[in-house]
Amino acid sequence: MIKTMGAILIIGASSVIGFIFAETLRRRLNQLKELQGALVQLQNEIFYTRTDLPEACLKVALKSKNPINTIFEKVSEELSGNDMDSVYAAFQYALKVNEGGLNLTKEDKEILLDLSKALGDSDMEGHRKIFNLAEYNIKTRIEALEQNVDKNMKMYRYLGFSAGAALAIILI
């Protein structure tokens, strides 16, 4: 009886872990899409309404969903208060502060950091090119993730259950 209950607990726990990993993939995809939209909004604020960067980041934060909005909100706060030396430092700090709620990989964050290195340091044409590059990179990552997300979600779920079942069999 105790062995059976232990086996059920092991299988249940490993299945939950598999579902958590699968959910992390789905959240990453949603956050990349939200980041893509936020960058388009930021680009529009800068190019078409000629809004200064701290205010543009705040407007983007108000239009974006959590946790992406917190990144832009923190950048706006840091730039408005002149607490950071550069836009790059503000984005770096904002990503570090919001790390717990983000499901973005290091490479995903690098796209945003690369963009932030050029903001404020070049003319409008340079900004346009760097925004286009960032949008392309995010779009590429979204497309690659969309192709594999369903398959990988199923794999994580099955793998969690299978690992739990294997461990339960070994222990019984």
N, C-alpha and C. Protein backbone atom coordinates (compact mmCIF):
# COMPACT_ATOMS: atom_id res chain seq x y z
N MET A 1 0.81 -1.20 0.00
CA MET A 1 0.00 0.00 0.00
C MET A 1 0.86 1.27 0.00
N ILE A 2 1.87 1.29 0.87
CA ILE A 2 2.73 2.47 0.96
C ILE A 2 3.54 2.63 -0.33
N LYS A 3 4.01 1.50 -0.88
CA LYS A 3 4.77 1.57 -2.13
C LYS A 3 3.89 2.10 -3.26
N THR A 4 2.66 1.69 -3.31
CA THR A 4 1.74 2.15 -4.35
C THR A 4 1.48 3.65 -4.22
N MET A 5 1.26 4.09 -2.99
CA MET A 5 1.05 5.53 -2.77
C MET A 5 2.31 6.32 -3.15
N GLY A 6 3.48 5.79 -2.81
CA GLY A 6 4.74 6.45 -3.17
C GLY A 6 4.91 6.53 -4.68
N ALA A 7 4.57 5.44 -5.36
CA ALA A 7 4.67 5.42 -6.82
C ALA A 7 3.73 6.44 -7.45
N ILE A 8 2.53 6.52 -6.93
CA ILE A 8 1.55 7.49 -7.45
C ILE A 8 2.06 8.92 -7.22
N LEU A 9 2.61 9.16 -6.04
CA LEU A 9 3.15 10.50 -5.75
C LEU A 9 4.32 10.84 -6.68
N ILE A 10 5.19 9.89 -6.92
CA ILE A 10 6.33 10.13 -7.81
C ILE A 10 5.85 10.42 -9.23
N ILE A 11 4.94 9.62 -9.72
CA ILE A 11 4.41 9.84 -11.07
C ILE A 11 3.69 11.19 -11.16
N GLY A 12 2.90 11.50 -10.14
CA GLY A 12 2.18 12.78 -10.13
C GLY A 12 3.14 13.96 -10.09
N ALA A 13 4.15 13.89 -9.24
CA ALA A 13 5.10 15.00 -9.12
C ALA A 13 5.90 15.19 -10.40
N SER A 14 6.34 14.11 -11.00
CA SER A 14 7.11 14.25 -12.24
C SER A 14 6.23 14.73 -13.39
N SER A 15 4.96 14.34 -13.39
CA SER A 15 4.05 14.83 -14.41
C SER A 15 3.83 16.33 -14.26
N VAL A 16 3.69 16.80 -13.02
CA VAL A 16 3.54 18.23 -12.77
C VAL A 16 4.78 18.99 -13.24
N ILE A 17 5.95 18.44 -12.98
CA ILE A 17 7.20 19.08 -13.44
C ILE A 17 7.21 19.17 -14.96
N GLY A 18 6.77 18.12 -15.63
CA GLY A 18 6.69 18.15 -17.09
C GLY A 18 5.73 19.22 -17.59
N PHE A 19 4.59 19.38 -16.92
CA PHE A 19 3.62 20.41 -17.30
C PHE A 19 4.17 21.81 -17.03
N ILE A 20 4.95 21.96 -15.96
CA ILE A 20 5.57 23.26 -15.66
C ILE A 20 6.56 23.64 -16.75
N PHE A 21 7.38 22.69 -17.18
CA PHE A 21 8.33 22.97 -18.27
C PHE A 21 7.59 23.35 -19.55
N ALA A 22 6.51 22.64 -19.84
CA ALA A 22 5.72 22.93 -21.04
C ALA A 22 5.11 24.33 -20.96
N GLU A 23 4.61 24.70 -19.78
CA GLU A 23 4.00 26.02 -19.60
C GLU A 23 5.05 27.13 -19.75
N THR A 24 6.27 26.86 -19.34
CA THR A 24 7.35 27.83 -19.49
C THR A 24 7.60 28.13 -20.97
N LEU A 25 7.53 27.13 -21.80
CA LEU A 25 7.69 27.33 -23.25
C LEU A 25 6.58 28.21 -23.81
N ARG A 26 5.35 27.93 -23.39
CA ARG A 26 4.22 28.71 -23.88
C ARG A 26 4.33 30.16 -23.42
N ARG A 27 4.73 30.37 -22.17
CA ARG A 27 4.90 31.74 -21.67
C ARG A 27 5.99 32.47 -22.42
N ARG A 28 7.07 31.79 -22.73
CA ARG A 28 8.17 32.43 -23.48
C ARG A 28 7.67 32.90 -24.84
N LEU A 29 6.89 32.06 -25.51
CA LEU A 29 6.36 32.45 -26.81
C LEU A 29 5.46 33.67 -26.68
N ASN A 30 4.58 33.68 -25.68
CA ASN A 30 3.69 34.83 -25.47
C ASN A 30 4.48 36.09 -25.13
N GLN A 31 5.52 35.96 -24.33
CA GLN A 31 6.33 37.12 -23.95
C GLN A 31 7.13 37.65 -25.14
N LEU A 32 7.60 36.76 -26.01
CA LEU A 32 8.29 37.22 -27.22
C LEU A 32 7.34 38.00 -28.12
N LYS A 33 6.11 37.51 -28.25
CA LYS A 33 5.13 38.22 -29.07
C LYS A 33 4.80 39.58 -28.46
N GLU A 34 4.68 39.63 -27.14
CA GLU A 34 4.40 40.89 -26.46
C GLU A 34 5.58 41.85 -26.60
N LEU A 35 6.79 41.33 -26.53
CA LEU A 35 7.99 42.16 -26.71
C LEU A 35 8.05 42.70 -28.13
N GLN A 36 7.67 41.89 -29.09
CA GLN A 36 7.64 42.33 -30.49
C GLN A 36 6.66 43.50 -30.64
N GLY A 37 5.49 43.38 -30.06
CA GLY A 37 4.52 44.46 -30.13
C GLY A 37 5.00 45.71 -29.41
N ALA A 38 5.66 45.52 -28.28
CA ALA A 38 6.18 46.66 -27.51
C ALA A 38 7.25 47.41 -28.30
N LEU A 39 8.08 46.67 -29.01
CA LEU A 39 9.12 47.33 -29.82
C LEU A 39 8.52 48.12 -30.97
N VAL A 40 7.46 47.60 -31.56
CA VAL A 40 6.77 48.34 -32.63
C VAL A 40 6.17 49.62 -32.05
N GLN A 41 5.56 49.53 -30.87
CA GLN A 41 5.00 50.72 -30.22
C GLN A 41 6.09 51.73 -29.90
N LEU A 42 7.23 51.24 -29.39
CA LEU A 42 8.34 52.14 -29.06
C LEU A 42 8.87 52.83 -30.32
N GLN A 43 8.99 52.05 -31.37
CA GLN A 43 9.44 52.62 -32.64
C GLN A 43 8.47 53.70 -33.12
N ASN A 44 7.19 53.46 -33.04
CA ASN A 44 6.19 54.45 -33.46
C ASN A 44 6.26 55.70 -32.59
N GLU A 45 6.42 55.53 -31.30
CA GLU A 45 6.53 56.68 -30.41
C GLU A 45 7.75 57.53 -30.75
N ILE A 46 8.85 56.89 -31.06
CA ILE A 46 10.09 57.63 -31.34
C ILE A 46 10.04 58.28 -32.72
N PHE A 47 9.62 57.55 -33.73
CA PHE A 47 9.69 58.05 -35.11
C PHE A 47 8.54 58.98 -35.49
N TYR A 48 7.34 58.63 -35.10
CA TYR A 48 6.19 59.34 -35.63
C TYR A 48 5.67 60.44 -34.70
N THR A 49 5.76 60.23 -33.40
CA THR A 49 5.30 61.29 -32.50
C THR A 49 6.47 62.06 -31.89
N ARG A 50 7.70 61.62 -32.19
CA ARG A 50 8.92 62.29 -31.71
C ARG A 50 8.94 62.43 -30.19
N THR A 51 8.46 61.41 -29.51
CA THR A 51 8.45 61.40 -28.05
C THR A 51 9.84 61.06 -27.54
N ASP A 52 10.27 61.73 -26.46
CA ASP A 52 11.58 61.41 -25.91
C ASP A 52 11.52 60.01 -25.29
N LEU A 53 12.68 59.39 -25.16
CA LEU A 53 12.75 57.97 -24.80
C LEU A 53 12.11 57.63 -23.45
N PRO A 54 12.36 58.37 -22.37
CA PRO A 54 11.70 58.00 -21.11
C PRO A 54 10.17 58.01 -21.20
N GLU A 55 9.63 59.02 -21.84
CA GLU A 55 8.18 59.11 -21.99
C GLU A 55 7.66 58.03 -22.94
N ALA A 56 8.42 57.74 -24.00
CA ALA A 56 8.01 56.69 -24.94
C ALA A 56 7.98 55.34 -24.25
N CYS A 57 8.98 55.07 -23.41
CA CYS A 57 9.00 53.80 -22.67
C CYS A 57 7.82 53.71 -21.71
N LEU A 58 7.47 54.82 -21.09
CA LEU A 58 6.33 54.82 -20.18
C LEU A 58 5.03 54.55 -20.94
N LYS A 59 4.87 55.16 -22.12
CA LYS A 59 3.67 54.91 -22.92
C LYS A 59 3.60 53.45 -23.36
N VAL A 60 4.75 52.89 -23.73
CA VAL A 60 4.79 51.47 -24.11
C VAL A 60 4.42 50.60 -22.92
N ALA A 61 4.92 50.94 -21.75
CA ALA A 61 4.61 50.18 -20.53
C ALA A 61 3.11 50.19 -20.26
N LEU A 62 2.46 51.32 -20.48
CA LEU A 62 1.03 51.41 -20.23
C LEU A 62 0.21 50.58 -21.21
N LYS A 63 0.76 50.34 -22.40
CA LYS A 63 0.03 49.58 -23.43
C LYS A 63 0.39 48.11 -23.46
N SER A 64 1.43 47.72 -22.75
CA SER A 64 1.91 46.33 -22.79
C SER A 64 1.38 45.54 -21.61
N LYS A 65 1.51 44.22 -21.74
CA LYS A 65 1.08 43.31 -20.68
C LYS A 65 2.27 42.96 -19.78
N ASN A 66 1.94 42.50 -18.60
CA ASN A 66 2.96 42.06 -17.65
C ASN A 66 3.60 40.77 -18.14
N PRO A 67 4.86 40.53 -18.03
CA PRO A 67 5.92 41.27 -17.37
C PRO A 67 6.70 42.22 -18.30
N ILE A 68 6.33 42.26 -19.57
CA ILE A 68 7.04 43.13 -20.51
C ILE A 68 6.84 44.60 -20.12
N ASN A 69 5.66 44.94 -19.65
CA ASN A 69 5.41 46.34 -19.28
C ASN A 69 6.32 46.80 -18.15
N THR A 70 6.66 45.90 -17.25
CA THR A 70 7.51 46.29 -16.13
C THR A 70 8.93 46.62 -16.58
N ILE A 71 9.38 46.01 -17.65
CA ILE A 71 10.70 46.34 -18.19
C ILE A 71 10.72 47.79 -18.66
N PHE A 72 9.74 48.15 -19.47
CA PHE A 72 9.70 49.50 -20.02
C PHE A 72 9.37 50.54 -18.94
N GLU A 73 8.58 50.15 -17.97
CA GLU A 73 8.28 51.06 -16.86
C GLU A 73 9.55 51.36 -16.06
N LYS A 74 10.32 50.33 -15.78
CA LYS A 74 11.56 50.51 -15.02
C LYS A 74 12.57 51.33 -15.82
N VAL A 75 12.67 51.09 -17.12
CA VAL A 75 13.58 51.87 -17.97
C VAL A 75 13.17 53.33 -17.95
N SER A 76 11.88 53.59 -18.05
CA SER A 76 11.38 54.96 -18.02
C SER A 76 11.74 55.64 -16.69
N GLU A 77 11.54 54.93 -15.59
CA GLU A 77 11.88 55.48 -14.28
C GLU A 77 13.37 55.81 -14.18
N GLU A 78 14.19 54.89 -14.62
CA GLU A 78 15.65 55.07 -14.51
C GLU A 78 16.14 56.21 -15.40
N LEU A 79 15.58 56.32 -16.60
CA LEU A 79 16.01 57.39 -17.51
C LEU A 79 15.45 58.74 -17.07
N SER A 80 14.23 58.76 -16.57
CA SER A 80 13.63 60.02 -16.12
C SER A 80 14.36 60.58 -14.91
N GLY A 81 14.78 59.71 -14.03
CA GLY A 81 15.46 60.14 -12.83
C GLY A 81 16.96 60.34 -13.01
N ASN A 82 17.44 60.15 -14.24
CA ASN A 82 18.89 60.23 -14.53
C ASN A 82 19.69 59.34 -13.60
N ASP A 83 19.14 58.17 -13.27
CA ASP A 83 19.83 57.24 -12.38
C ASP A 83 20.84 56.37 -13.13
N MET A 84 20.73 56.29 -14.44
CA MET A 84 21.62 55.45 -15.23
C MET A 84 22.43 56.30 -16.20
N ASP A 85 23.61 55.80 -16.54
CA ASP A 85 24.49 56.51 -17.45
C ASP A 85 24.06 56.39 -18.91
N SER A 86 23.41 55.29 -19.23
CA SER A 86 23.04 55.05 -20.63
C SER A 86 21.73 54.29 -20.71
N VAL A 87 21.19 54.26 -21.90
CA VAL A 87 19.97 53.49 -22.15
C VAL A 87 20.25 52.01 -21.95
N TYR A 88 21.42 51.58 -22.38
CA TYR A 88 21.82 50.18 -22.22
C TYR A 88 21.81 49.78 -20.74
N ALA A 89 22.38 50.62 -19.90
CA ALA A 89 22.43 50.33 -18.46
C ALA A 89 21.02 50.27 -17.87
N ALA A 90 20.14 51.14 -18.34
CA ALA A 90 18.76 51.13 -17.84
C ALA A 90 18.05 49.84 -18.24
N PHE A 91 18.21 49.40 -19.47
CA PHE A 91 17.59 48.15 -19.91
C PHE A 91 18.20 46.96 -19.18
N GLN A 92 19.50 46.99 -19.00
CA GLN A 92 20.17 45.90 -18.28
C GLN A 92 19.62 45.79 -16.86
N TYR A 93 19.49 46.93 -16.20
CA TYR A 93 18.95 46.95 -14.84
C TYR A 93 17.49 46.47 -14.82
N ALA A 94 16.70 46.94 -15.77
CA ALA A 94 15.28 46.54 -15.82
C ALA A 94 15.13 45.05 -16.05
N LEU A 95 15.96 44.47 -16.90
CA LEU A 95 15.90 43.03 -17.14
C LEU A 95 16.33 42.25 -15.91
N LYS A 96 17.32 42.76 -15.21
CA LYS A 96 17.80 42.08 -14.01
C LYS A 96 16.75 42.11 -12.90
N VAL A 97 16.08 43.26 -12.72
CA VAL A 97 15.06 43.41 -11.70
C VAL A 97 13.86 42.50 -11.99
N ASN A 98 13.50 42.35 -13.26
CA ASN A 98 12.31 41.59 -13.65
C ASN A 98 12.61 40.15 -14.03
N GLU A 99 13.79 39.68 -13.72
CA GLU A 99 14.21 38.35 -14.17
C GLU A 99 13.29 37.24 -13.70
N GLY A 100 12.75 37.35 -12.50
CA GLY A 100 11.90 36.29 -11.96
C GLY A 100 10.62 36.06 -12.75
N GLY A 101 10.04 37.10 -13.31
CA GLY A 101 8.79 36.96 -14.04
C GLY A 101 8.95 36.72 -15.52
N LEU A 102 10.18 36.80 -16.00
CA LEU A 102 10.43 36.63 -17.43
C LEU A 102 10.77 35.18 -17.76
N ASN A 103 10.27 34.71 -18.87
CA ASN A 103 10.62 33.39 -19.37
C ASN A 103 11.49 33.50 -20.61
N LEU A 104 12.09 34.64 -20.82
CA LEU A 104 12.95 34.86 -21.98
C LEU A 104 14.32 34.25 -21.73
N THR A 105 14.92 33.75 -22.79
CA THR A 105 16.28 33.21 -22.68
C THR A 105 17.29 34.35 -22.73
N LYS A 106 18.52 34.01 -22.47
CA LYS A 106 19.60 35.00 -22.52
C LYS A 106 19.69 35.61 -23.92
N GLU A 107 19.51 34.79 -24.95
CA GLU A 107 19.57 35.26 -26.33
C GLU A 107 18.42 36.21 -26.65
N ASP A 108 17.24 35.94 -26.09
CA ASP A 108 16.10 36.83 -26.28
C ASP A 108 16.39 38.20 -25.67
N LYS A 109 16.95 38.19 -24.47
CA LYS A 109 17.28 39.44 -23.78
C LYS A 109 18.37 40.20 -24.52
N GLU A 110 19.29 39.48 -25.14
CA GLU A 110 20.38 40.13 -25.88
C GLU A 110 19.84 40.96 -27.04
N ILE A 111 18.76 40.53 -27.66
CA ILE A 111 18.16 41.31 -28.75
C ILE A 111 17.75 42.68 -28.23
N LEU A 112 17.10 42.70 -27.08
CA LEU A 112 16.66 43.96 -26.48
C LEU A 112 17.86 44.80 -26.03
N LEU A 113 18.87 44.15 -25.48
CA LEU A 113 20.06 44.88 -25.04
C LEU A 113 20.85 45.45 -26.22
N ASP A 114 20.91 44.69 -27.32
CA ASP A 114 21.59 45.21 -28.51
C ASP A 114 20.87 46.45 -29.05
N LEU A 115 19.56 46.42 -29.04
CA LEU A 115 18.78 47.57 -29.45
C LEU A 115 19.07 48.77 -28.55
N SER A 116 19.11 48.51 -27.25
CA SER A 116 19.31 49.60 -26.30
C SER A 116 20.68 50.24 -26.41
N LYS A 117 21.67 49.49 -26.89
CA LYS A 117 23.01 50.06 -27.07
C LYS A 117 23.00 51.19 -28.10
N ALA A 118 22.14 51.06 -29.10
CA ALA A 118 22.12 52.03 -30.20
C ALA A 118 21.14 53.18 -29.96
N LEU A 119 20.16 52.98 -29.05
CA LEU A 119 19.18 54.04 -28.82
C LEU A 119 19.85 55.27 -28.22
N GLY A 120 19.63 56.39 -28.84
CA GLY A 120 20.19 57.64 -28.36
C GLY A 120 21.59 57.92 -28.87
N ASP A 121 22.21 56.95 -29.52
CA ASP A 121 23.59 57.13 -29.99
C ASP A 121 23.70 57.31 -31.49
N SER A 122 22.59 57.30 -32.19
CA SER A 122 22.66 57.46 -33.64
C SER A 122 21.49 58.32 -34.13
N ASP A 123 21.51 58.59 -35.42
CA ASP A 123 20.44 59.41 -36.00
C ASP A 123 19.20 58.55 -36.26
N MET A 124 18.18 59.18 -36.81
CA MET A 124 16.91 58.48 -37.04
C MET A 124 17.06 57.29 -37.98
N GLU A 125 17.86 57.45 -39.01
CA GLU A 125 18.06 56.33 -39.95
C GLU A 125 18.76 55.16 -39.26
N GLY A 126 19.72 55.46 -38.40
CA GLY A 126 20.39 54.41 -37.63
C GLY A 126 19.43 53.72 -36.68
N HIS A 127 18.57 54.51 -36.05
CA HIS A 127 17.56 53.93 -35.17
C HIS A 127 16.61 53.03 -35.96
N ARG A 128 16.22 53.49 -37.13
CA ARG A 128 15.30 52.70 -37.95
C ARG A 128 15.92 51.34 -38.30
N LYS A 129 17.20 51.35 -38.64
CA LYS A 129 17.88 50.09 -38.99
C LYS A 129 17.98 49.16 -37.79
N ILE A 130 18.32 49.70 -36.63
CA ILE A 130 18.48 48.85 -35.46
C ILE A 130 17.12 48.31 -34.99
N PHE A 131 16.06 49.10 -35.12
CA PHE A 131 14.72 48.60 -34.80
C PHE A 131 14.33 47.48 -35.77
N ASN A 132 14.61 47.67 -37.06
CA ASN A 132 14.30 46.63 -38.04
C ASN A 132 15.05 45.35 -37.74
N LEU A 133 16.32 45.48 -37.34
CA LEU A 133 17.12 44.30 -37.00
C LEU A 133 16.54 43.60 -35.78
N ALA A 134 16.19 44.35 -34.76
CA ALA A 134 15.61 43.76 -33.54
C ALA A 134 14.28 43.07 -33.85
N GLU A 135 13.45 43.72 -34.65
CA GLU A 135 12.16 43.12 -35.02
C GLU A 135 12.36 41.83 -35.82
N TYR A 136 13.32 41.85 -36.73
CA TYR A 136 13.62 40.66 -37.52
C TYR A 136 14.10 39.52 -36.61
N ASN A 137 15.01 39.84 -35.69
CA ASN A 137 15.53 38.80 -34.79
C ASN A 137 14.44 38.21 -33.91
N ILE A 138 13.56 39.05 -33.40
CA ILE A 138 12.47 38.55 -32.56
C ILE A 138 11.49 37.73 -33.40
N LYS A 139 11.19 38.21 -34.59
CA LYS A 139 10.29 37.48 -35.49
C LYS A 139 10.85 36.09 -35.81
N THR A 140 12.15 36.04 -36.06
CA THR A 140 12.81 34.76 -36.35
C THR A 140 12.71 33.81 -35.16
N ARG A 141 12.93 34.33 -33.97
CA ARG A 141 12.86 33.49 -32.77
C ARG A 141 11.42 33.02 -32.52
N ILE A 142 10.45 33.89 -32.79
CA ILE A 142 9.04 33.51 -32.62
C ILE A 142 8.69 32.40 -33.60
N GLU A 143 9.08 32.56 -34.86
CA GLU A 143 8.75 31.54 -35.87
C GLU A 143 9.39 30.20 -35.53
N ALA A 144 10.64 30.21 -35.08
CA ALA A 144 11.31 28.96 -34.71
C ALA A 144 10.62 28.32 -33.51
N LEU A 145 10.23 29.13 -32.56
CA LEU A 145 9.57 28.61 -31.37
C LEU A 145 8.18 28.08 -31.70
N GLU A 146 7.44 28.79 -32.56
CA GLU A 146 6.10 28.34 -32.94
C GLU A 146 6.12 26.99 -33.64
N GLN A 147 7.17 26.75 -34.44
CA GLN A 147 7.27 25.48 -35.16
C GLN A 147 7.45 24.31 -34.19
N ASN A 148 8.10 24.57 -33.07
CA ASN A 148 8.43 23.47 -32.16
C ASN A 148 7.65 23.47 -30.86
N VAL A 149 6.88 24.51 -30.59
CA VAL A 149 6.27 24.63 -29.26
C VAL A 149 5.29 23.51 -28.97
N ASP A 150 4.43 23.16 -29.88
CA ASP A 150 3.45 22.10 -29.62
C ASP A 150 4.15 20.76 -29.41
N LYS A 151 5.10 20.48 -30.29
CA LYS A 151 5.83 19.22 -30.18
C LYS A 151 6.61 19.15 -28.87
N ASN A 152 7.29 20.23 -28.51
CA ASN A 152 8.08 20.24 -27.29
C ASN A 152 7.21 20.22 -26.04
N MET A 153 6.05 20.88 -26.10
CA MET A 153 5.15 20.84 -24.95
C MET A 153 4.69 19.42 -24.68
N LYS A 154 4.31 18.71 -25.74
CA LYS A 154 3.90 17.31 -25.58
C LYS A 154 5.06 16.47 -25.06
N MET A 155 6.26 16.74 -25.61
CA MET A 155 7.43 15.97 -25.20
C MET A 155 7.70 16.17 -23.70
N TYR A 156 7.66 17.40 -23.21
CA TYR A 156 7.91 17.65 -21.78
C TYR A 156 6.86 16.98 -20.91
N ARG A 157 5.61 17.02 -21.35
CA ARG A 157 4.55 16.39 -20.57
C ARG A 157 4.73 14.87 -20.51
N TYR A 158 4.99 14.27 -21.68
CA TYR A 158 5.20 12.82 -21.72
C TYR A 158 6.47 12.42 -20.99
N LEU A 159 7.50 13.22 -21.14
CA LEU A 159 8.77 12.92 -20.50
C LEU A 159 8.63 12.97 -18.98
N GLY A 160 7.89 13.95 -18.48
CA GLY A 160 7.65 14.02 -17.04
C GLY A 160 6.94 12.79 -16.52
N PHE A 161 5.89 12.40 -17.21
CA PHE A 161 5.14 11.20 -16.81
C PHE A 161 6.02 9.96 -16.92
N SER A 162 6.74 9.83 -18.04
CA SER A 162 7.57 8.64 -18.27
C SER A 162 8.69 8.52 -17.26
N ALA A 163 9.33 9.65 -16.95
CA ALA A 163 10.42 9.61 -15.97
C ALA A 163 9.87 9.21 -14.60
N GLY A 164 8.71 9.72 -14.25
CA GLY A 164 8.10 9.34 -12.99
C GLY A 164 7.72 7.87 -12.95
N ALA A 165 7.17 7.39 -14.05
CA ALA A 165 6.79 5.97 -14.12
C ALA A 165 8.03 5.08 -14.04
N ALA A 166 9.09 5.45 -14.73
CA ALA A 166 10.33 4.66 -14.70
C ALA A 166 10.91 4.64 -13.29
N LEU A 167 10.92 5.78 -12.63
CA LEU A 167 11.45 5.86 -11.28
C LEU A 167 10.58 5.04 -10.32
N ALA A 168 9.29 5.10 -10.50
CA ALA A 168 8.38 4.32 -9.65
C ALA A 168 8.60 2.83 -9.84
N ILE A 169 8.81 2.40 -11.07
CA ILE A 169 9.06 0.98 -11.36
C ILE A 169 10.38 0.55 -10.73
N ILE A 170 11.39 1.39 -10.84
CA ILE A 170 12.69 1.06 -10.27
C ILE A 170 12.60 0.94 -8.76
N LEU A 171 11.87 1.83 -8.12
CA LEU A 171 11.76 1.81 -6.67
C LEU A 171 10.87 0.70 -6.13
N ILE A 172 9.93 0.24 -6.95
CA ILE A 172 9.03 -0.84 -6.50
C ILE A 172 9.72 -2.13 -6.73
